[in-house]
PDB file of N, CA and C in Angstrom:
ATOM      1  N   UNK A   1       0.786  -1.497  -0.327  1.00  0.00           N
ATOM      2  CA  UNK A   1       0.244  -0.051  -0.177  1.00  0.00           C
ATOM      3  C   UNK A   1       0.980   1.084   0.060  1.00  0.00           C
ATOM      4  N   UNK A   2       0.467   2.055  -0.819  1.00  0.00           N
ATOM      5  CA  UNK A   2       1.196   3.553  -0.967  1.00  0.00           C
ATOM      6  C   UNK A   2       0.782   4.297   0.185  1.00  0.00           C
ATOM      7  N   UNK A   3       1.514   5.468   0.063  1.00  0.00           N
ATOM      8  CA  UNK A   3       1.030   6.607   2.063  1.00  0.00           C
ATOM      9  C   UNK A   3       2.012   8.213   1.125  1.00  0.00           C
ATOM     10  N   UNK A   4       1.287   8.883   1.804  1.00  0.00           N
ATOM     11  CA  UNK A   4       2.031   9.904   1.934  1.00  0.00           C
ATOM     12  C   UNK A   4       2.482  10.328   3.236  1.00  0.00           C
ATOM     13  N   UNK A   5       3.695  11.179   3.308  1.00  0.00           N
ATOM     14  CA  UNK A   5       3.972  12.640   4.204  1.00  0.00           C
ATOM     15  C   UNK A   5       3.334  13.412   4.155  1.00  0.00           C
ATOM     16  N   UNK A   6       3.300  14.278   4.762  1.00  0.00           N
ATOM     17  CA  UNK A   6       3.232  15.866   4.500  1.00  0.00           C
ATOM     18  C   UNK A   6       3.282  15.757   5.918  1.00  0.00           C
ATOM     19  N   UNK A   7       2.986  17.574   5.587  1.00  0.00           N
ATOM     20  CA  UNK A   7       3.097  18.722   6.827  1.00  0.00           C
ATOM     21  C   UNK A   7       2.257  20.224   6.230  1.00  0.00           C
ATOM     22  N   UNK A   8       1.432  20.336   7.463  1.00  0.00           N
ATOM     23  CA  UNK A   8       0.698  21.254   7.276  1.00  0.00           C
ATOM     24  C   UNK A   8       1.000  22.857   8.506  1.00  0.00           C
ATOM     25  N   UNK A   9       0.319  23.680   8.335  1.00  0.00           N
ATOM     26  CA  UNK A   9       0.748  24.871   8.298  1.00  0.00           C
ATOM     27  C   UNK A   9      -0.506  25.808   9.012  1.00  0.00           C
ATOM     28  N   UNK A  10      -0.190  26.619  10.277  1.00  0.00           N
ATOM     29  CA  UNK A  10      -1.194  27.707  10.350  1.00  0.00           C
ATOM     30  C   UNK A  10      -1.229  29.390   9.280  1.00  0.00           C
ATOM     31  N   UNK A  11       0.111  29.014   8.742  1.00  0.00           N
ATOM     32  CA  UNK A  11       0.448  30.137   8.340  1.00  0.00           C
ATOM     33  C   UNK A  11       2.108  29.727   7.394  1.00  0.00           C
ATOM     34  N   UNK A  12       2.357  31.044   6.995  1.00  0.00           N
ATOM     35  CA  UNK A  12       3.796  31.127   6.872  1.00  0.00           C
ATOM     36  C   UNK A  12       4.763  30.959   7.644  1.00  0.00           C
ATOM     37  N   UNK A  13       5.658  29.542   7.829  1.00  0.00           N
ATOM     38  CA  UNK A  13       6.191  30.169   9.407  1.00  0.00           C
ATOM     39  C   UNK A  13       5.735  29.952  10.474  1.00  0.00           C
ATOM     40  N   UNK A  14       4.308  29.843  10.093  1.00  0.00           N
ATOM     41  CA  UNK A  14       3.484  29.300  11.784  1.00  0.00           C
ATOM     42  C   UNK A  14       3.617  28.093  12.307  1.00  0.00           C
ATOM     43  N   UNK A  15       2.787  27.583  12.708  1.00  0.00           N
ATOM     44  CA  UNK A  15       3.045  26.491  13.687  1.00  0.00           C
ATOM     45  C   UNK A  15       2.930  25.231  12.501  1.00  0.00           C
ATOM     46  N   UNK A  16       3.783  24.195  12.783  1.00  0.00           N
ATOM     47  CA  UNK A  16       3.478  23.230  11.845  1.00  0.00           C
ATOM     48  C   UNK A  16       3.201  21.631  12.456  1.00  0.00           C
ATOM     49  N   UNK A  17       2.204  20.952  11.425  1.00  0.00           N
ATOM     50  CA  UNK A  17       2.112  19.316  11.916  1.00  0.00           C
ATOM     51  C   UNK A  17       2.622  18.621  10.742  1.00  0.00           C
ATOM     52  N   UNK A  18       3.455  17.434  11.634  1.00  0.00           N
ATOM     53  CA  UNK A  18       3.637  16.545  10.726  1.00  0.00           C
ATOM     54  C   UNK A  18       2.441  15.334  10.799  1.00  0.00           C
ATOM     55  N   UNK A  19       2.361  14.263   8.966  1.00  0.00           N
ATOM     56  CA  UNK A  19       1.289  13.465   9.389  1.00  0.00           C
ATOM     57  C   UNK A  19       1.344  12.165   8.003  1.00  0.00           C
ATOM     58  N   UNK A  20       0.667  11.472   8.455  1.00  0.00           N
ATOM     59  CA  UNK A  20       1.077  10.194   7.066  1.00  0.00           C
ATOM     60  C   UNK A  20      -0.129   9.641   7.239  1.00  0.00           C
ATOM     61  N   UNK A  21      -0.576   9.016   5.896  1.00  0.00           N
ATOM     62  CA  UNK A  21      -2.103   8.651   5.355  1.00  0.00           C
ATOM     63  C   UNK A  21      -2.067   8.086   3.945  1.00  0.00           C
ATOM     64  N   UNK A  22      -2.245   7.109   4.095  1.00  0.00           N
ATOM     65  CA  UNK A  22      -3.081   6.615   2.154  1.00  0.00           C
ATOM     66  C   UNK A  22      -3.794   7.429   1.532  1.00  0.00           C
ATOM     67  N   UNK A  23      -4.777   8.391   1.886  1.00  0.00           N
ATOM     68  CA  UNK A  23      -5.143   9.055   1.082  1.00  0.00           C
ATOM     69  C   UNK A  23      -4.967  10.744   1.476  1.00  0.00           C
ATOM     70  N   UNK A  24      -4.320  11.390   0.933  1.00  0.00           N
ATOM     71  CA  UNK A  24      -3.513  12.830   1.251  1.00  0.00           C
ATOM     72  C   UNK A  24      -5.059  13.630   0.648  1.00  0.00           C
ATOM     73  N   UNK A  25      -5.843  13.418   0.270  1.00  0.00           N
ATOM     74  CA  UNK A  25      -7.090  14.443  -0.284  1.00  0.00           C
ATOM     75  C   UNK A  25      -7.989  14.505   1.024  1.00  0.00           C
ATOM     76  N   UNK A  26      -8.644  12.965   1.302  1.00  0.00           N
ATOM     77  CA  UNK A  26      -9.581  12.797   2.141  1.00  0.00           C
ATOM     78  C   UNK A  26      -8.632  13.518   3.573  1.00  0.00           C
ATOM     79  N   UNK A  27      -7.548  12.868   4.138  1.00  0.00           N
ATOM     80  CA  UNK A  27      -6.857  13.329   4.882  1.00  0.00           C
ATOM     81  C   UNK A  27      -7.408  14.969   5.464  1.00  0.00           C
ATOM     82  N   UNK A  28      -6.500  15.921   3.850  1.00  0.00           N
ATOM     83  CA  UNK A  28      -6.370  17.283   4.424  1.00  0.00           C
ATOM     84  C   UNK A  28      -7.619  17.975   4.457  1.00  0.00           C
ATOM     85  N   UNK A  29      -8.523  17.043   3.616  1.00  0.00           N
ATOM     86  CA  UNK A  29     -10.065  17.442   3.664  1.00  0.00           C
ATOM     87  C   UNK A  29      -9.749  17.992   5.448  1.00  0.00           C
ATOM     88  N   UNK A  30     -10.542  16.369   5.603  1.00  0.00           N
ATOM     89  CA  UNK A  30     -10.749  16.178   6.806  1.00  0.00           C
ATOM     90  C   UNK A  30      -9.675  17.140   8.102  1.00  0.00           C
ATOM     91  N   UNK A  31      -8.642  17.509   8.270  1.00  0.00           N
ATOM     92  CA  UNK A  31      -8.316  19.040   8.506  1.00  0.00           C
ATOM     93  C   UNK A  31      -8.714  20.308   8.371  1.00  0.00           C
ATOM     94  N   UNK A  32      -8.951  19.983   7.127  1.00  0.00           N
ATOM     95  CA  UNK A  32      -9.513  21.623   6.739  1.00  0.00           C
ATOM     96  C   UNK A  32     -10.811  22.054   7.214  1.00  0.00           C
ATOM     97  N   UNK A  33     -11.680  21.044   7.437  1.00  0.00           N
ATOM     98  CA  UNK A  33     -12.647  21.296   7.669  1.00  0.00           C
ATOM     99  C   UNK A  33     -13.540  21.392   9.191  1.00  0.00           C
ATOM    100  N   UNK A  34     -11.795  20.617  10.337  1.00  0.00           N
ATOM    101  CA  UNK A  34     -12.228  20.613  11.681  1.00  0.00           C
ATOM    102  C   UNK A  34     -12.609  19.325  12.181  1.00  0.00           C
ATOM    103  N   UNK A  35     -12.454  18.071  11.132  1.00  0.00           N
ATOM    104  CA  UNK A  35     -13.374  16.813  11.666  1.00  0.00           C
ATOM    105  C   UNK A  35     -12.103  16.537  11.865  1.00  0.00           C
ATOM    106  N   UNK A  36     -11.173  16.810  12.127  1.00  0.00           N
ATOM    107  CA  UNK A  36      -9.510  15.821  12.775  1.00  0.00           C
ATOM    108  C   UNK A  36      -9.304  17.108  14.220  1.00  0.00           C
ATOM    109  N   UNK A  37      -9.873  16.347  15.432  1.00  0.00           N
ATOM    110  CA  UNK A  37     -10.163  16.899  16.988  1.00  0.00           C
ATOM    111  C   UNK A  37      -8.627  16.660  17.025  1.00  0.00           C
ATOM    112  N   UNK A  38      -8.265  17.917  17.976  1.00  0.00           N
ATOM    113  CA  UNK A  38      -6.428  17.850  18.399  1.00  0.00           C
ATOM    114  C   UNK A  38      -6.023  19.080  18.169  1.00  0.00           C
ATOM    115  N   UNK A  39      -4.914  18.471  18.089  1.00  0.00           N
ATOM    116  CA  UNK A  39      -3.658  19.636  17.473  1.00  0.00           C
ATOM    117  C   UNK A  39      -4.335  20.712  16.623  1.00  0.00           C
ATOM    118  N   UNK A  40      -4.200  20.252  14.936  1.00  0.00           N
ATOM    119  CA  UNK A  40      -4.795  20.572  13.659  1.00  0.00           C
ATOM    120  C   UNK A  40      -6.117  21.819  14.241  1.00  0.00           C
ATOM    121  N   UNK A  41      -6.751  21.560  14.415  1.00  0.00           N
ATOM    122  CA  UNK A  41      -8.042  22.256  14.843  1.00  0.00           C
ATOM    123  C   UNK A  41      -7.625  23.129  15.854  1.00  0.00           C
ATOM    124  N   UNK A  42      -7.018  22.459  17.652  1.00  0.00           N
ATOM    125  CA  UNK A  42      -6.486  23.998  18.209  1.00  0.00           C
ATOM    126  C   UNK A  42      -5.897  24.978  17.678  1.00  0.00           C
ATOM    127  N   UNK A  43      -5.364  25.088  17.289  1.00  0.00           N
ATOM    128  CA  UNK A  43      -3.817  25.840  16.332  1.00  0.00           C
ATOM    129  C   UNK A  43      -4.897  26.173  15.220  1.00  0.00           C
ATOM    130  N   UNK A  44      -5.267  26.010  14.313  1.00  0.00           N
ATOM    131  CA  UNK A  44      -5.726  26.351  13.033  1.00  0.00           C
ATOM    132  C   UNK A  44      -5.095  25.884  12.015  1.00  0.00           C
ATOM    133  N   UNK A  45      -4.161  24.797  12.269  1.00  0.00           N
ATOM    134  CA  UNK A  45      -3.231  24.004  10.765  1.00  0.00           C
ATOM    135  C   UNK A  45      -3.912  23.183  10.006  1.00  0.00           C
ATOM    136  N   UNK A  46      -3.987  24.338   8.749  1.00  0.00           N
ATOM    137  CA  UNK A  46      -4.821  23.885   7.694  1.00  0.00           C
ATOM    138  C   UNK A  46      -4.379  23.709   6.342  1.00  0.00           C
ATOM    139  N   UNK A  47      -3.154  24.234   6.413  1.00  0.00           N
ATOM    140  CA  UNK A  47      -2.079  25.054   4.923  1.00  0.00           C
ATOM    141  C   UNK A  47      -1.713  23.267   4.648  1.00  0.00           C
ATOM    142  N   UNK A  48      -1.931  23.143   3.206  1.00  0.00           N
ATOM    143  CA  UNK A  48      -0.926  21.476   2.888  1.00  0.00           C
ATOM    144  C   UNK A  48      -0.138  22.406   2.780  1.00  0.00           C
ATOM    145  N   UNK A  49       1.242  22.050   3.020  1.00  0.00           N
ATOM    146  CA  UNK A  49       2.725  23.173   3.005  1.00  0.00           C
ATOM    147  C   UNK A  49       3.558  22.163   1.770  1.00  0.00           C
ATOM    148  N   UNK A  50       3.210  21.160   1.932  1.00  0.00           N
ATOM    149  CA  UNK A  50       4.374  20.157   1.613  1.00  0.00           C
ATOM    150  C   UNK A  50       3.999  18.333   2.168  1.00  0.00           C
ATOM    151  N   UNK A  51       3.923  17.740   0.900  1.00  0.00           N
ATOM    152  CA  UNK A  51       4.058  16.136   0.407  1.00  0.00           C
ATOM    153  C   UNK A  51       5.167  15.472  -0.195  1.00  0.00           C
ATOM    154  N   UNK A  52       5.070  14.523   0.305  1.00  0.00           N
ATOM    155  CA  UNK A  52       5.630  12.809  -0.168  1.00  0.00           C
ATOM    156  C   UNK A  52       4.804  12.087  -0.454  1.00  0.00           C
ATOM    157  N   UNK A  53       4.741  11.432  -1.722  1.00  0.00           N
ATOM    158  CA  UNK A  53       4.730   9.736  -2.045  1.00  0.00           C
ATOM    159  C   UNK A  53       5.694   9.292  -1.694  1.00  0.00           C
ATOM    160  N   UNK A  54       5.175   7.782  -1.517  1.00  0.00           N
ATOM    161  CA  UNK A  54       5.831   6.953  -1.199  1.00  0.00           C
ATOM    162  C   UNK A  54       5.227   5.245  -1.957  1.00  0.00           C
ATOM    163  N   UNK A  55       5.880   4.618  -2.168  1.00  0.00           N
ATOM    164  CA  UNK A  55       5.340   3.065  -3.011  1.00  0.00           C
ATOM    165  C   UNK A  55       4.596   2.907  -1.407  1.00  0.00           C
ATOM    166  N   UNK A  56       5.344   2.557  -0.406  1.00  0.00           N
ATOM    167  CA  UNK A  56       5.429   1.338   0.790  1.00  0.00           C
ATOM    168  C   UNK A  56       4.903   2.548   2.153  1.00  0.00           C
ATOM    169  N   UNK A  57       3.609   2.364   2.742  1.00  0.00           N
ATOM    170  CA  UNK A  57       3.140   3.755   3.715  1.00  0.00           C
ATOM    171  C   UNK A  57       3.813   3.315   4.438  1.00  0.00           C
ATOM    172  N   UNK A  58       4.914   1.977   4.866  1.00  0.00           N
ATOM    173  CA  UNK A  58       6.231   2.089   6.193  1.00  0.00           C
ATOM    174  C   UNK A  58       7.090   3.458   5.349  1.00  0.00           C
ATOM    175  N   UNK A  59       7.535   3.488   4.539  1.00  0.00           N
ATOM    176  CA  UNK A  59       8.721   4.778   3.823  1.00  0.00           C
ATOM    177  C   UNK A  59       7.785   5.929   4.653  1.00  0.00           C
ATOM    178  N   UNK A  60       6.447   6.248   4.343  1.00  0.00           N
ATOM    179  CA  UNK A  60       6.165   7.401   4.882  1.00  0.00           C
ATOM    180  C   UNK A  60       5.770   7.344   6.127  1.00  0.00           C
ATOM    181  N   UNK A  61       5.383   6.654   7.210  1.00  0.00           N
ATOM    182  CA  UNK A  61       5.465   6.749   8.810  1.00  0.00           C
ATOM    183  C   UNK A  61       6.979   6.652   8.771  1.00  0.00           C
ATOM    184  N   UNK A  62       7.807   6.028   8.623  1.00  0.00           N
ATOM    185  CA  UNK A  62       9.191   6.243   9.464  1.00  0.00           C
ATOM    186  C   UNK A  62       9.312   8.032   8.581  1.00  0.00           C
ATOM    187  N   UNK A  63       8.851   8.139   7.431  1.00  0.00           N
ATOM    188  CA  UNK A  63       9.396   9.683   7.756  1.00  0.00           C
ATOM    189  C   UNK A  63       8.775  10.132   8.175  1.00  0.00           C
ATOM    190  N   UNK A  64       7.749  10.540   8.451  1.00  0.00           N
ATOM    191  CA  UNK A  64       6.947  10.774   9.628  1.00  0.00           C
ATOM    192  C   UNK A  64       7.332  11.108  11.457  1.00  0.00           C
ATOM    193  N   UNK A  65       8.126   9.872  11.530  1.00  0.00           N
ATOM    194  CA  UNK A  65       8.594   9.329  13.268  1.00  0.00           C
ATOM    195  C   UNK A  65      10.155  10.417  13.118  1.00  0.00           C
ATOM    196  N   UNK A  66      10.831  10.303  11.303  1.00  0.00           N
ATOM    197  CA  UNK A  66      12.007  10.467  11.440  1.00  0.00           C
ATOM    198  C   UNK A  66      11.581  12.194  11.737  1.00  0.00           C
ATOM    199  N   UNK A  67      10.394  13.353  10.815  1.00  0.00           N
ATOM    200  CA  UNK A  67      10.330  14.472  10.887  1.00  0.00           C
ATOM    201  C   UNK A  67      10.230  14.922  12.364  1.00  0.00           C
ATOM    202  N   UNK A  68       9.305  13.827  12.675  1.00  0.00           N
ATOM    203  CA  UNK A  68       8.779  14.270  14.069  1.00  0.00           C
ATOM    204  C   UNK A  68       9.971  15.239  15.316  1.00  0.00           C
ATOM    205  N   UNK A  69      11.395  14.067  14.513  1.00  0.00           N
ATOM    206  CA  UNK A  69      12.216  14.588  15.812  1.00  0.00           C
ATOM    207  C   UNK A  69      12.871  15.608  15.172  1.00  0.00           C
ATOM    208  N   UNK A  70      12.997  16.193  14.167  1.00  0.00           N
ATOM    209  CA  UNK A  70      13.637  17.467  13.728  1.00  0.00           C
ATOM    210  C   UNK A  70      14.299  18.883  13.863  1.00  0.00           C
ATOM    211  N   UNK A  71      14.281  18.847  13.905  1.00  0.00           N
ATOM    212  CA  UNK A  71      14.756  20.204  14.280  1.00  0.00           C
ATOM    213  C   UNK A  71      13.579  21.301  13.866  1.00  0.00           C
ATOM    214  N   UNK A  72      12.967  22.488  14.054  1.00  0.00           N
ATOM    215  CA  UNK A  72      11.848  22.703  13.255  1.00  0.00           C
ATOM    216  C   UNK A  72      12.501  23.932  11.966  1.00  0.00           C
ATOM    217  N   UNK A  73      14.033  24.023  12.328  1.00  0.00           N
ATOM    218  CA  UNK A  73      14.569  24.462  10.988  1.00  0.00           C
ATOM    219  C   UNK A  73      14.688  24.031   9.714  1.00  0.00           C
ATOM    220  N   UNK A  74      15.110  22.688  10.442  1.00  0.00           N
ATOM    221  CA  UNK A  74      15.180  21.270   9.751  1.00  0.00           C
ATOM    222  C   UNK A  74      13.819  21.428   7.954  1.00  0.00           C
ATOM    223  N   UNK A  75      11.994  21.399   9.167  1.00  0.00           N
ATOM    224  CA  UNK A  75      11.118  20.446   8.658  1.00  0.00           C
ATOM    225  C   UNK A  75      10.904  22.361   7.542  1.00  0.00           C
ATOM    226  N   UNK A  76      11.364  23.482   7.918  1.00  0.00           N
ATOM    227  CA  UNK A  76      11.027  25.071   7.395  1.00  0.00           C
ATOM    228  C   UNK A  76      11.715  24.494   6.158  1.00  0.00           C
ATOM    229  N   UNK A  77      13.213  24.619   5.907  1.00  0.00           N
ATOM    230  CA  UNK A  77      13.988  23.859   4.853  1.00  0.00           C
ATOM    231  C   UNK A  77      13.417  23.114   3.674  1.00  0.00           C
ATOM    232  N   UNK A  78      12.633  22.011   5.011  1.00  0.00           N
ATOM    233  CA  UNK A  78      12.015  20.779   3.886  1.00  0.00           C
ATOM    234  C   UNK A  78      11.198  21.521   2.547  1.00  0.00           C
ATOM    235  N   UNK A  79      10.298  22.237   3.814  1.00  0.00           N
ATOM    236  CA  UNK A  79       9.411  22.943   3.162  1.00  0.00           C
ATOM    237  C   UNK A  79       9.405  24.067   1.611  1.00  0.00           C
ATOM    238  N   UNK A  80      10.373  24.634   1.797  1.00  0.00           N
ATOM    239  CA  UNK A  80      10.807  25.923   1.093  1.00  0.00           C
ATOM    240  C   UNK A  80      11.984  25.700  -0.400  1.00  0.00           C
ATOM    241  N   UNK A  81      12.567  24.587   0.019  1.00  0.00           N
ATOM    242  CA  UNK A  81      12.932  23.704  -1.498  1.00  0.00           C
ATOM    243  C   UNK A  81      11.690  23.095  -1.820  1.00  0.00           C
ATOM    244  N   UNK A  82      10.431  22.512  -1.823  1.00  0.00           N
ATOM    245  CA  UNK A  82       9.328  22.604  -2.211  1.00  0.00           C
ATOM    246  C   UNK A  82       8.262  23.504  -2.697  1.00  0.00           C
ATOM    247  N   UNK A  83       7.869  24.441  -1.613  1.00  0.00           N
ATOM    248  CA  UNK A  83       6.880  25.530  -1.432  1.00  0.00           C
ATOM    249  C   UNK A  83       7.261  26.494  -1.467  1.00  0.00           C
ATOM    250  N   UNK A  84       8.396  27.396  -1.771  1.00  0.00           N
ATOM    251  CA  UNK A  84       8.927  28.858  -1.240  1.00  0.00           C
ATOM    252  C   UNK A  84       8.336  29.592  -0.349  1.00  0.00           C
ATOM    253  N   UNK A  85       6.879  29.989  -1.802  1.00  0.00           N
ATOM    254  CA  UNK A  85       5.877  31.065  -1.405  1.00  0.00           C
ATOM    255  C   UNK A  85       4.978  30.221  -0.323  1.00  0.00           C
ATOM    256  N   UNK A  86       5.114  28.795   0.091  1.00  0.00           N
ATOM    257  CA  UNK A  86       4.074  28.714   1.228  1.00  0.00           C
ATOM    258  C   UNK A  86       2.877  28.280   0.809  1.00  0.00           C
ATOM    259  N   UNK A  87       2.086  28.288  -0.684  1.00  0.00           N
ATOM    260  CA  UNK A  87       1.269  28.666  -0.894  1.00  0.00           C
ATOM    261  C   UNK A  87       0.262  27.020  -0.016  1.00  0.00           C
ATOM    262  N   UNK A  88      -0.800  26.788  -0.557  1.00  0.00           N
ATOM    263  CA  UNK A  88      -1.641  25.792  -0.055  1.00  0.00           C
ATOM    264  C   UNK A  88      -1.441  24.907  -1.075  1.00  0.00           C
ATOM    265  N   UNK A  89      -1.450  23.567  -0.889  1.00  0.00           N
ATOM    266  CA  UNK A  89      -0.838  22.632  -2.248  1.00  0.00           C
ATOM    267  C   UNK A  89      -1.948  22.008  -2.164  1.00  0.00           C
ATOM    268  N   UNK A  90      -3.240  22.208  -1.625  1.00  0.00           N
ATOM    269  CA  UNK A  90      -4.954  21.338  -1.458  1.00  0.00           C
ATOM    270  C   UNK A  90      -5.618  21.544  -2.572  1.00  0.00           C
ATOM    271  N   UNK A  91      -5.153  22.249  -3.825  1.00  0.00           N
ATOM    272  CA  UNK A  91      -5.695  22.560  -4.962  1.00  0.00           C
ATOM    273  C   UNK A  91      -5.343  21.788  -5.816  1.00  0.00           C
ATOM    274  N   UNK A  92      -3.739  22.047  -5.788  1.00  0.00           N
ATOM    275  CA  UNK A  92      -2.838  20.607  -6.232  1.00  0.00           C
ATOM    276  C   UNK A  92      -3.312  19.511  -6.225  1.00  0.00           C
ATOM    277  N   UNK A  93      -3.447  19.061  -4.941  1.00  0.00           N
ATOM    278  CA  UNK A  93      -3.563  17.752  -5.002  1.00  0.00           C
ATOM    279  C   UNK A  93      -4.974  16.927  -5.617  1.00  0.00           C
ATOM    280  N   UNK A  94      -5.910  17.561  -5.804  1.00  0.00           N
ATOM    281  CA  UNK A  94      -7.097  17.530  -5.799  1.00  0.00           C
ATOM    282  C   UNK A  94      -7.285  17.275  -7.552  1.00  0.00           C
ATOM    283  N   UNK A  95      -6.109  17.574  -8.198  1.00  0.00           N
ATOM    284  CA  UNK A  95      -6.053  17.380  -9.576  1.00  0.00           C
ATOM    285  C   UNK A  95      -5.361  15.542  -9.723  1.00  0.00           C
ATOM    286  N   UNK A  96      -4.298  15.185  -8.795  1.00  0.00           N
ATOM    287  CA  UNK A  96      -3.398  14.125  -8.765  1.00  0.00           C
ATOM    288  C   UNK A  96      -4.556  12.934  -9.261  1.00  0.00           C
TER     289      UNK A  96
END
């Protein structure tokens, strides 16, 4: 089964959240609608600013676990390499 590692943000250089899913469109939609209670709802973290596709969900899970241990600066660097404008990538993934 394939999977995605993703990072959400509240705004540019704002609060970050790292997650993993097998259905990126559904999961980001849940975050955006507030269906996911907890951290992302509490801190209004709804912008999809980074994602990676993996052929094996275990690789996405491993990436998420590693990323949660990273310094914040490393996460920001990763986001800025893929998405220097910090635009919400949700509309882009709807086309996948």
